């Protein structure tokens, strides 16, 4: 087929055959990505401040462990504590004094 300037070629390039293993890897990655974004890990401890519109702060469990507080709707601060640190977090002074409560 002769191509002249201004004309579009209707000839389609040969499709490059993709490796079937790569296709499977891509599909499983997409499935994992969508399943992770829709599920919430309920095994973690979620602590919420009692007061709204208070100062945002970090929950310091020991010298090396800090849990960053995240501002939620209504001005409260949320802390998502991993399961392995939950026992230590429940002994924190803010939890025992009532400043932080479990959301469950």
PDB file of N, CA and C in Angstrom:
ATOM      1  N   UNK A   1       0.846  -1.168   0.000  1.00  0.00           N
ATOM      2  CA  UNK A   1       0.000   0.000   0.000  1.00  0.00           C
ATOM      3  C   UNK A   1       0.891   1.232   0.000  1.00  0.00           C
ATOM      4  N   UNK A   2       0.603   2.112  -0.886  1.00  0.00           N
ATOM      5  CA  UNK A   2       1.360   3.352  -0.964  1.00  0.00           C
ATOM      6  C   UNK A   2       0.744   4.371  -0.037  1.00  0.00           C
ATOM      7  N   UNK A   3       1.578   4.981   0.761  1.00  0.00           N
ATOM      8  CA  UNK A   3       1.099   5.996   1.700  1.00  0.00           C
ATOM      9  C   UNK A   3       1.548   7.348   1.189  1.00  0.00           C
ATOM     10  N   UNK A   4       0.583   8.224   1.055  1.00  0.00           N
ATOM     11  CA  UNK A   4       0.863   9.569   0.589  1.00  0.00           C
ATOM     12  C   UNK A   4       0.641  10.506   1.768  1.00  0.00           C
ATOM     13  N   UNK A   5       1.402  11.582   1.803  1.00  0.00           N
ATOM     14  CA  UNK A   5       1.265  12.527   2.892  1.00  0.00           C
ATOM     15  C   UNK A   5      -0.176  13.008   2.981  1.00  0.00           C
ATOM     16  N   UNK A   6      -0.733  12.961   4.199  1.00  0.00           N
ATOM     17  CA  UNK A   6      -2.105  13.378   4.410  1.00  0.00           C
ATOM     18  C   UNK A   6      -3.063  12.208   4.476  1.00  0.00           C
ATOM     19  N   UNK A   7      -2.634  11.038   4.028  1.00  0.00           N
ATOM     20  CA  UNK A   7      -3.493   9.862   4.107  1.00  0.00           C
ATOM     21  C   UNK A   7      -3.124   9.052   5.344  1.00  0.00           C
ATOM     22  N   UNK A   8      -4.113   8.408   5.869  1.00  0.00           N
ATOM     23  CA  UNK A   8      -3.858   7.539   7.013  1.00  0.00           C
ATOM     24  C   UNK A   8      -3.764   6.109   6.538  1.00  0.00           C
ATOM     25  N   UNK A   9      -2.870   5.416   7.124  1.00  0.00           N
ATOM     26  CA  UNK A   9      -2.691   4.016   6.763  1.00  0.00           C
ATOM     27  C   UNK A   9      -3.650   3.172   7.588  1.00  0.00           C
ATOM     28  N   UNK A  10      -4.345   2.274   6.934  1.00  0.00           N
ATOM     29  CA  UNK A  10      -5.252   1.373   7.628  1.00  0.00           C
ATOM     30  C   UNK A  10      -4.556   0.083   8.035  1.00  0.00           C
ATOM     31  N   UNK A  11      -3.340  -0.063   7.621  1.00  0.00           N
ATOM     32  CA  UNK A  11      -2.608  -1.266   7.959  1.00  0.00           C
ATOM     33  C   UNK A  11      -2.239  -1.226   9.433  1.00  0.00           C
ATOM     34  N   UNK A  12      -2.577  -2.283  10.125  1.00  0.00           N
ATOM     35  CA  UNK A  12      -2.293  -2.346  11.553  1.00  0.00           C
ATOM     36  C   UNK A  12      -0.984  -3.088  11.766  1.00  0.00           C
ATOM     37  N   UNK A  13      -0.200  -2.613  12.723  1.00  0.00           N
ATOM     38  CA  UNK A  13       1.065  -3.311  12.978  1.00  0.00           C
ATOM     39  C   UNK A  13       0.788  -4.684  13.570  1.00  0.00           C
ATOM     40  N   UNK A  14       1.734  -5.561  13.378  1.00  0.00           N
ATOM     41  CA  UNK A  14       1.597  -6.905  13.921  1.00  0.00           C
ATOM     42  C   UNK A  14       1.587  -6.831  15.444  1.00  0.00           C
ATOM     43  N   UNK A  15       0.577  -7.432  16.069  1.00  0.00           N
ATOM     44  CA  UNK A  15       0.555  -7.384  17.540  1.00  0.00           C
ATOM     45  C   UNK A  15       1.692  -8.208  18.113  1.00  0.00           C
ATOM     46  N   UNK A  16       2.340  -7.649  19.100  1.00  0.00           N
ATOM     47  CA  UNK A  16       3.440  -8.353  19.754  1.00  0.00           C
ATOM     48  C   UNK A  16       2.818  -9.283  20.789  1.00  0.00           C
ATOM     49  N   UNK A  17       3.114 -10.546  20.638  1.00  0.00           N
ATOM     50  CA  UNK A  17       2.536 -11.531  21.548  1.00  0.00           C
ATOM     51  C   UNK A  17       3.191 -11.383  22.911  1.00  0.00           C
ATOM     52  N   UNK A  18       2.344 -11.217  23.937  1.00  0.00           N
ATOM     53  CA  UNK A  18       2.835 -11.036  25.286  1.00  0.00           C
ATOM     54  C   UNK A  18       3.026 -12.394  25.944  1.00  0.00           C
ATOM     55  N   UNK A  19       4.005 -12.482  26.787  1.00  0.00           N
ATOM     56  CA  UNK A  19       4.298 -13.720  27.488  1.00  0.00           C
ATOM     57  C   UNK A  19       3.111 -14.083  28.381  1.00  0.00           C
ATOM     58  N   UNK A  20       2.586 -15.315  28.305  1.00  0.00           N
ATOM     59  CA  UNK A  20       1.424 -15.687  29.116  1.00  0.00           C
ATOM     60  C   UNK A  20       1.688 -15.619  30.614  1.00  0.00           C
ATOM     61  N   UNK A  21       2.923 -15.831  31.031  1.00  0.00           N
ATOM     62  CA  UNK A  21       3.246 -15.734  32.455  1.00  0.00           C
ATOM     63  C   UNK A  21       3.118 -14.295  32.921  1.00  0.00           C
ATOM     64  N   UNK A  22       3.554 -13.347  32.087  1.00  0.00           N
ATOM     65  CA  UNK A  22       3.424 -11.933  32.426  1.00  0.00           C
ATOM     66  C   UNK A  22       1.958 -11.532  32.549  1.00  0.00           C
ATOM     67  N   UNK A  23       1.102 -12.089  31.695  1.00  0.00           N
ATOM     68  CA  UNK A  23      -0.325 -11.777  31.770  1.00  0.00           C
ATOM     69  C   UNK A  23      -0.902 -12.228  33.110  1.00  0.00           C
ATOM     70  N   UNK A  24      -0.523 -13.419  33.543  1.00  0.00           N
ATOM     71  CA  UNK A  24      -1.023 -13.942  34.816  1.00  0.00           C
ATOM     72  C   UNK A  24      -0.519 -13.092  35.975  1.00  0.00           C
ATOM     73  N   UNK A  25       0.755 -12.700  35.918  1.00  0.00           N
ATOM     74  CA  UNK A  25       1.327 -11.871  36.977  1.00  0.00           C
ATOM     75  C   UNK A  25       0.601 -10.536  37.054  1.00  0.00           C
ATOM     76  N   UNK A  26       0.321  -9.930  35.909  1.00  0.00           N
ATOM     77  CA  UNK A  26      -0.379  -8.649  35.893  1.00  0.00           C
ATOM     78  C   UNK A  26      -1.787  -8.780  36.450  1.00  0.00           C
ATOM     79  N   UNK A  27      -2.486  -9.861  36.074  1.00  0.00           N
ATOM     80  CA  UNK A  27      -3.850 -10.056  36.562  1.00  0.00           C
ATOM     81  C   UNK A  27      -3.880 -10.250  38.072  1.00  0.00           C
ATOM     82  N   UNK A  28      -2.954 -11.041  38.597  1.00  0.00           N
ATOM     83  CA  UNK A  28      -2.947 -11.266  40.043  1.00  0.00           C
ATOM     84  C   UNK A  28      -2.546  -9.996  40.789  1.00  0.00           C
ATOM     85  N   UNK A  29      -1.659  -9.199  40.205  1.00  0.00           N
ATOM     86  CA  UNK A  29      -1.291  -7.939  40.842  1.00  0.00           C
ATOM     87  C   UNK A  29      -2.480  -6.999  40.900  1.00  0.00           C
ATOM     88  N   UNK A  30      -3.271  -6.944  39.828  1.00  0.00           N
ATOM     89  CA  UNK A  30      -4.453  -6.090  39.821  1.00  0.00           C
ATOM     90  C   UNK A  30      -5.472  -6.569  40.838  1.00  0.00           C
ATOM     91  N   UNK A  31      -5.664  -7.884  40.928  1.00  0.00           N
ATOM     92  CA  UNK A  31      -6.613  -8.433  41.898  1.00  0.00           C
ATOM     93  C   UNK A  31      -6.158  -8.149  43.321  1.00  0.00           C
ATOM     94  N   UNK A  32      -4.888  -8.301  43.590  1.00  0.00           N
ATOM     95  CA  UNK A  32      -4.361  -8.045  44.927  1.00  0.00           C
ATOM     96  C   UNK A  32      -4.493  -6.572  45.278  1.00  0.00           C
ATOM     97  N   UNK A  33      -4.257  -5.720  44.311  1.00  0.00           N
ATOM     98  CA  UNK A  33      -4.355  -4.283  44.559  1.00  0.00           C
ATOM     99  C   UNK A  33      -5.793  -3.892  44.887  1.00  0.00           C
ATOM    100  N   UNK A  34      -6.758  -4.407  44.145  1.00  0.00           N
ATOM    101  CA  UNK A  34      -8.148  -4.061  44.412  1.00  0.00           C
ATOM    102  C   UNK A  34      -8.648  -4.697  45.696  1.00  0.00           C
ATOM    103  N   UNK A  35      -8.195  -5.903  46.014  1.00  0.00           N
ATOM    104  CA  UNK A  35      -8.662  -6.541  47.246  1.00  0.00           C
ATOM    105  C   UNK A  35      -8.067  -5.860  48.469  1.00  0.00           C
ATOM    106  N   UNK A  36      -6.839  -5.365  48.395  1.00  0.00           N
ATOM    107  CA  UNK A  36      -6.237  -4.672  49.523  1.00  0.00           C
ATOM    108  C   UNK A  36      -6.879  -3.329  49.773  1.00  0.00           C
ATOM    109  N   UNK A  37      -7.290  -2.658  48.733  1.00  0.00           N
ATOM    110  CA  UNK A  37      -7.856  -1.332  48.921  1.00  0.00           C
ATOM    111  C   UNK A  37      -9.274  -1.380  49.460  1.00  0.00           C
ATOM    112  N   UNK A  38      -9.997  -2.486  49.245  1.00  0.00           N
ATOM    113  CA  UNK A  38     -11.382  -2.561  49.703  1.00  0.00           C
ATOM    114  C   UNK A  38     -11.516  -3.165  51.089  1.00  0.00           C
ATOM    115  N   UNK A  39     -10.530  -3.910  51.547  1.00  0.00           N
ATOM    116  CA  UNK A  39     -10.636  -4.530  52.862  1.00  0.00           C
ATOM    117  C   UNK A  39      -9.866  -3.719  53.889  1.00  0.00           C
ATOM    118  N   UNK A  40     -10.420  -3.675  55.083  1.00  0.00           N
ATOM    119  CA  UNK A  40      -9.769  -2.980  56.183  1.00  0.00           C
ATOM    120  C   UNK A  40      -9.282  -4.040  57.160  1.00  0.00           C
ATOM    121  N   UNK A  41      -8.068  -3.887  57.617  1.00  0.00           N
ATOM    122  CA  UNK A  41      -7.503  -4.844  58.556  1.00  0.00           C
ATOM    123  C   UNK A  41      -8.135  -4.605  59.923  1.00  0.00           C
ATOM    124  N   UNK A  42      -9.052  -5.483  60.306  1.00  0.00           N
ATOM    125  CA  UNK A  42      -9.778  -5.303  61.565  1.00  0.00           C
ATOM    126  C   UNK A  42      -9.009  -5.848  62.758  1.00  0.00           C
ATOM    127  N   UNK A  43      -7.866  -6.498  62.527  1.00  0.00           N
ATOM    128  CA  UNK A  43      -7.107  -7.046  63.639  1.00  0.00           C
ATOM    129  C   UNK A  43      -6.310  -5.963  64.367  1.00  0.00           C
ATOM    130  N   UNK A  44      -6.122  -4.817  63.742  1.00  0.00           N
ATOM    131  CA  UNK A  44      -5.403  -3.731  64.395  1.00  0.00           C
ATOM    132  C   UNK A  44      -6.312  -3.018  65.385  1.00  0.00           C
ATOM    133  N   UNK A  45      -5.694  -2.442  66.400  1.00  0.00           N
ATOM    134  CA  UNK A  45      -6.414  -1.673  67.408  1.00  0.00           C
ATOM    135  C   UNK A  45      -6.510  -0.233  66.931  1.00  0.00           C
ATOM    136  N   UNK A  46      -7.691   0.341  66.963  1.00  0.00           N
ATOM    137  CA  UNK A  46      -7.891   1.730  66.553  1.00  0.00           C
ATOM    138  C   UNK A  46      -8.282   2.529  67.787  1.00  0.00           C
ATOM    139  N   UNK A  47      -7.454   3.513  68.109  1.00  0.00           N
ATOM    140  CA  UNK A  47      -7.717   4.389  69.247  1.00  0.00           C
ATOM    141  C   UNK A  47      -8.141   5.762  68.737  1.00  0.00           C
ATOM    142  N   UNK A  48      -9.092   6.382  69.424  1.00  0.00           N
ATOM    143  CA  UNK A  48      -9.641   7.672  69.020  1.00  0.00           C
ATOM    144  C   UNK A  48      -9.594   8.606  70.214  1.00  0.00           C
ATOM    145  N   UNK A  49      -9.293   9.872  69.966  1.00  0.00           N
ATOM    146  CA  UNK A  49      -9.309  10.846  71.050  1.00  0.00           C
ATOM    147  C   UNK A  49     -10.741  11.170  71.432  1.00  0.00           C
ATOM    148  N   UNK A  50     -10.958  11.475  72.696  1.00  0.00           N
ATOM    149  CA  UNK A  50     -12.289  11.841  73.179  1.00  0.00           C
ATOM    150  C   UNK A  50     -12.651  13.266  72.756  1.00  0.00           C
ATOM    151  N   UNK A  51     -11.683  14.147  72.792  1.00  0.00           N
ATOM    152  CA  UNK A  51     -11.960  15.545  72.476  1.00  0.00           C
ATOM    153  C   UNK A  51     -11.803  15.795  70.984  1.00  0.00           C
ATOM    154  N   UNK A  52     -12.694  16.578  70.441  1.00  0.00           N
ATOM    155  CA  UNK A  52     -12.557  16.945  69.040  1.00  0.00           C
ATOM    156  C   UNK A  52     -11.848  18.287  68.946  1.00  0.00           C
ATOM    157  N   UNK A  53     -11.185  18.502  67.850  1.00  0.00           N
ATOM    158  CA  UNK A  53     -10.451  19.740  67.568  1.00  0.00           C
ATOM    159  C   UNK A  53      -9.327  19.991  68.567  1.00  0.00           C
ATOM    160  N   UNK A  54      -8.761  18.921  69.101  1.00  0.00           N
ATOM    161  CA  UNK A  54      -7.591  19.054  69.959  1.00  0.00           C
ATOM    162  C   UNK A  54      -6.333  19.039  69.109  1.00  0.00           C
ATOM    163  N   UNK A  55      -5.206  19.155  69.754  1.00  0.00           N
ATOM    164  CA  UNK A  55      -3.937  19.154  69.035  1.00  0.00           C
ATOM    165  C   UNK A  55      -3.626  17.750  68.524  1.00  0.00           C
ATOM    166  N   UNK A  56      -3.038  17.678  67.344  1.00  0.00           N
ATOM    167  CA  UNK A  56      -2.619  16.400  66.775  1.00  0.00           C
ATOM    168  C   UNK A  56      -1.286  16.012  67.415  1.00  0.00           C
ATOM    169  N   UNK A  57      -1.145  14.745  67.818  1.00  0.00           N
ATOM    170  CA  UNK A  57       0.073  14.303  68.486  1.00  0.00           C
ATOM    171  C   UNK A  57       0.393  12.866  68.091  1.00  0.00           C
ATOM    172  N   UNK A  58       1.593  12.420  68.442  1.00  0.00           N
ATOM    173  CA  UNK A  58       2.021  11.045  68.201  1.00  0.00           C
ATOM    174  C   UNK A  58       1.892  10.254  69.489  1.00  0.00           C
ATOM    175  N   UNK A  59       1.553   8.982  69.356  1.00  0.00           N
ATOM    176  CA  UNK A  59       1.488   8.077  70.497  1.00  0.00           C
ATOM    177  C   UNK A  59       2.857   7.420  70.616  1.00  0.00           C
ATOM    178  N   UNK A  60       3.609   7.753  71.649  1.00  0.00           N
ATOM    179  CA  UNK A  60       4.970   7.252  71.829  1.00  0.00           C
ATOM    180  C   UNK A  60       4.918   6.080  72.806  1.00  0.00           C
ATOM    181  N   UNK A  61       5.213   4.883  72.298  1.00  0.00           N
ATOM    182  CA  UNK A  61       5.155   3.691  73.137  1.00  0.00           C
ATOM    183  C   UNK A  61       6.482   3.396  73.813  1.00  0.00           C
ATOM    184  N   UNK A  62       7.577   3.602  73.128  1.00  0.00           N
ATOM    185  CA  UNK A  62       8.904   3.499  73.726  1.00  0.00           C
ATOM    186  C   UNK A  62       9.846   4.376  72.925  1.00  0.00           C
ATOM    187  N   UNK A  63      11.117   4.257  73.178  1.00  0.00           N
ATOM    188  CA  UNK A  63      12.089   5.145  72.566  1.00  0.00           C
ATOM    189  C   UNK A  63      12.091   5.052  71.036  1.00  0.00           C
ATOM    190  N   UNK A  64      11.841   3.872  70.500  1.00  0.00           N
ATOM    191  CA  UNK A  64      11.904   3.670  69.058  1.00  0.00           C
ATOM    192  C   UNK A  64      10.548   3.575  68.386  1.00  0.00           C
ATOM    193  N   UNK A  65       9.474   3.483  69.132  1.00  0.00           N
ATOM    194  CA  UNK A  65       8.157   3.216  68.555  1.00  0.00           C
ATOM    195  C   UNK A  65       7.245   4.417  68.728  1.00  0.00           C
ATOM    196  N   UNK A  66       6.854   4.976  67.595  1.00  0.00           N
ATOM    197  CA  UNK A  66       5.889   6.082  67.571  1.00  0.00           C
ATOM    198  C   UNK A  66       4.779   5.712  66.611  1.00  0.00           C
ATOM    199  N   UNK A  67       3.562   6.062  66.992  1.00  0.00           N
ATOM    200  CA  UNK A  67       2.416   5.848  66.116  1.00  0.00           C
ATOM    201  C   UNK A  67       1.835   7.211  65.819  1.00  0.00           C
ATOM    202  N   UNK A  68       1.832   7.556  64.549  1.00  0.00           N
ATOM    203  CA  UNK A  68       1.392   8.875  64.131  1.00  0.00           C
ATOM    204  C   UNK A  68      -0.120   8.968  64.163  1.00  0.00           C
ATOM    205  N   UNK A  69      -0.613  10.047  64.733  1.00  0.00           N
ATOM    206  CA  UNK A  69      -2.045  10.293  64.770  1.00  0.00           C
ATOM    207  C   UNK A  69      -2.517  10.901  63.461  1.00  0.00           C
ATOM    208  N   UNK A  70      -3.709  10.511  63.027  1.00  0.00           N
ATOM    209  CA  UNK A  70      -4.285  10.985  61.778  1.00  0.00           C
ATOM    210  C   UNK A  70      -5.582  11.711  62.102  1.00  0.00           C
ATOM    211  N   UNK A  71      -5.734  12.896  61.579  1.00  0.00           N
ATOM    212  CA  UNK A  71      -6.948  13.685  61.820  1.00  0.00           C
ATOM    213  C   UNK A  71      -8.112  13.068  61.058  1.00  0.00           C
ATOM    214  N   UNK A  72      -9.222  12.857  61.743  1.00  0.00           N
ATOM    215  CA  UNK A  72     -10.413  12.268  61.134  1.00  0.00           C
ATOM    216  C   UNK A  72     -11.506  13.323  61.051  1.00  0.00           C
ATOM    217  N   UNK A  73     -12.643  12.922  60.484  1.00  0.00           N
ATOM    218  CA  UNK A  73     -13.767  13.842  60.412  1.00  0.00           C
ATOM    219  C   UNK A  73     -14.231  14.164  61.820  1.00  0.00           C
ATOM    220  N   UNK A  74     -14.650  15.361  62.022  1.00  0.00           N
ATOM    221  CA  UNK A  74     -15.077  15.793  63.344  1.00  0.00           C
ATOM    222  C   UNK A  74     -13.935  16.297  64.197  1.00  0.00           C
ATOM    223  N   UNK A  75     -12.720  16.328  63.648  1.00  0.00           N
ATOM    224  CA  UNK A  75     -11.581  16.879  64.363  1.00  0.00           C
ATOM    225  C   UNK A  75     -10.919  15.929  65.334  1.00  0.00           C
ATOM    226  N   UNK A  76     -11.357  14.694  65.414  1.00  0.00           N
ATOM    227  CA  UNK A  76     -10.739  13.741  66.328  1.00  0.00           C
ATOM    228  C   UNK A  76      -9.486  13.150  65.689  1.00  0.00           C
ATOM    229  N   UNK A  77      -8.580  12.637  66.524  1.00  0.00           N
ATOM    230  CA  UNK A  77      -7.332  12.051  66.053  1.00  0.00           C
ATOM    231  C   UNK A  77      -7.422  10.533  66.199  1.00  0.00           C
ATOM    232  N   UNK A  78      -7.085   9.813  65.119  1.00  0.00           N
ATOM    233  CA  UNK A  78      -7.128   8.353  65.108  1.00  0.00           C
ATOM    234  C   UNK A  78      -5.721   7.787  65.145  1.00  0.00           C
ATOM    235  N   UNK A  79      -5.565   6.664  65.848  1.00  0.00           N
ATOM    236  CA  UNK A  79      -4.298   5.941  65.900  1.00  0.00           C
ATOM    237  C   UNK A  79      -4.570   4.501  65.516  1.00  0.00           C
ATOM    238  N   UNK A  80      -3.919   4.016  64.457  1.00  0.00           N
ATOM    239  CA  UNK A  80      -4.038   2.625  64.029  1.00  0.00           C
ATOM    240  C   UNK A  80      -2.846   1.870  64.594  1.00  0.00           C
ATOM    241  N   UNK A  81      -3.076   1.119  65.676  1.00  0.00           N
ATOM    242  CA  UNK A  81      -2.008   0.430  66.393  1.00  0.00           C
ATOM    243  C   UNK A  81      -1.920  -1.007  65.878  1.00  0.00           C
ATOM    244  N   UNK A  82      -0.741  -1.457  65.422  1.00  0.00           N
ATOM    245  CA  UNK A  82      -0.593  -2.850  64.984  1.00  0.00           C
ATOM    246  C   UNK A  82      -0.901  -3.827  66.121  1.00  0.00           C
ATOM    247  N   UNK A  83      -1.325  -5.017  65.731  1.00  0.00           N
ATOM    248  CA  UNK A  83      -1.753  -6.032  66.691  1.00  0.00           C
ATOM    249  C   UNK A  83      -0.656  -6.364  67.697  1.00  0.00           C
ATOM    250  N   UNK A  84       0.605  -6.430  67.243  1.00  0.00           N
ATOM    251  CA  UNK A  84       1.683  -6.809  68.159  1.00  0.00           C
ATOM    252  C   UNK A  84       2.000  -5.718  69.180  1.00  0.00           C
ATOM    253  N   UNK A  85       1.576  -4.487  68.939  1.00  0.00           N
ATOM    254  CA  UNK A  85       1.810  -3.396  69.886  1.00  0.00           C
ATOM    255  C   UNK A  85       0.560  -3.020  70.672  1.00  0.00           C
ATOM    256  N   UNK A  86      -0.532  -3.736  70.467  1.00  0.00           N
ATOM    257  CA  UNK A  86      -1.809  -3.369  71.087  1.00  0.00           C
ATOM    258  C   UNK A  86      -1.750  -3.462  72.609  1.00  0.00           C
ATOM    259  N   UNK A  87      -1.124  -4.505  73.149  1.00  0.00           N
ATOM    260  CA  UNK A  87      -1.053  -4.663  74.602  1.00  0.00           C
ATOM    261  C   UNK A  87      -0.288  -3.504  75.234  1.00  0.00           C
ATOM    262  N   UNK A  88       0.801  -3.110  74.592  1.00  0.00           N
ATOM    263  CA  UNK A  88       1.595  -1.982  75.118  1.00  0.00           C
ATOM    264  C   UNK A  88       0.831  -0.673  74.998  1.00  0.00           C
ATOM    265  N   UNK A  89       0.090  -0.491  73.919  1.00  0.00           N
ATOM    266  CA  UNK A  89      -0.665   0.751  73.712  1.00  0.00           C
ATOM    267  C   UNK A  89      -1.796   0.892  74.720  1.00  0.00           C
ATOM    268  N   UNK A  90      -2.395  -0.213  75.127  1.00  0.00           N
ATOM    269  CA  UNK A  90      -3.490  -0.137  76.108  1.00  0.00           C
ATOM    270  C   UNK A  90      -2.998   0.250  77.498  1.00  0.00           C
ATOM    271  N   UNK A  91      -1.678   0.151  77.741  1.00  0.00           N
ATOM    272  CA  UNK A  91      -1.101   0.568  79.023  1.00  0.00           C
ATOM    273  C   UNK A  91      -0.607   2.008  78.988  1.00  0.00           C
ATOM    274  N   UNK A  92      -0.744   2.679  77.845  1.00  0.00           N
ATOM    275  CA  UNK A  92      -0.261   4.056  77.706  1.00  0.00           C
ATOM    276  C   UNK A  92      -1.061   4.986  78.608  1.00  0.00           C
ATOM    277  N   UNK A  93      -0.438   6.041  79.084  1.00  0.00           N
ATOM    278  CA  UNK A  93      -1.074   6.955  80.031  1.00  0.00           C
ATOM    279  C   UNK A  93      -2.305   7.642  79.425  1.00  0.00           C
ATOM    280  N   UNK A  94      -2.302   7.915  78.128  1.00  0.00           N
ATOM    281  CA  UNK A  94      -3.466   8.551  77.505  1.00  0.00           C
ATOM    282  C   UNK A  94      -4.666   7.604  77.470  1.00  0.00           C
ATOM    283  N   UNK A  95      -4.400   6.306  77.340  1.00  0.00           N
ATOM    284  CA  UNK A  95      -5.494   5.329  77.322  1.00  0.00           C
ATOM    285  C   UNK A  95      -6.031   5.119  78.728  1.00  0.00           C
ATOM    286  N   UNK A  96      -5.129   4.982  79.698  1.00  0.00           N
ATOM    287  CA  UNK A  96      -5.577   4.734  81.068  1.00  0.00           C
ATOM    288  C   UNK A  96      -6.255   5.957  81.669  1.00  0.00           C
ATOM    289  N   UNK A  97      -5.881   7.151  81.233  1.00  0.00           N
ATOM    290  CA  UNK A  97      -6.512   8.361  81.767  1.00  0.00           C
ATOM    291  C   UNK A  97      -7.830   8.677  81.082  1.00  0.00           C
ATOM    292  N   UNK A  98      -8.091   8.042  79.930  1.00  0.00           N
ATOM    293  CA  UNK A  98      -9.359   8.254  79.250  1.00  0.00           C
ATOM    294  C   UNK A  98      -9.287   9.244  78.101  1.00  0.00           C
ATOM    295  N   UNK A  99      -8.105   9.765  77.807  1.00  0.00           N
ATOM    296  CA  UNK A  99      -7.976  10.685  76.684  1.00  0.00           C
ATOM    297  C   UNK A  99      -8.145   9.966  75.360  1.00  0.00           C
ATOM    298  N   UNK A 100      -7.679   8.703  75.303  1.00  0.00           N
ATOM    299  CA  UNK A 100      -7.852   7.860  74.116  1.00  0.00           C
ATOM    300  C   UNK A 100      -8.741   6.677  74.482  1.00  0.00           C
ATOM    301  N   UNK A 101      -9.668   6.355  73.575  1.00  0.00           N
ATOM    302  CA  UNK A 101     -10.535   5.197  73.788  1.00  0.00           C
ATOM    303  C   UNK A 101     -10.499   4.331  72.544  1.00  0.00           C
ATOM    304  N   UNK A 102     -10.812   3.057  72.711  1.00  0.00           N
ATOM    305  CA  UNK A 102     -10.865   2.145  71.582  1.00  0.00           C
ATOM    306  C   UNK A 102     -12.136   2.414  70.788  1.00  0.00           C
ATOM    307  N   UNK A 103     -12.034   2.350  69.469  1.00  0.00           N
ATOM    308  CA  UNK A 103     -13.192   2.651  68.636  1.00  0.00           C
ATOM    309  C   UNK A 103     -14.137   1.464  68.518  1.00  0.00           C
ATOM    310  N   UNK A 104     -13.741   0.283  68.998  1.00  0.00           N
ATOM    311  CA  UNK A 104     -14.576  -0.904  68.880  1.00  0.00           C
ATOM    312  C   UNK A 104     -15.503  -1.079  70.042  1.00  0.00           C
TER     313      UNK A 104
END
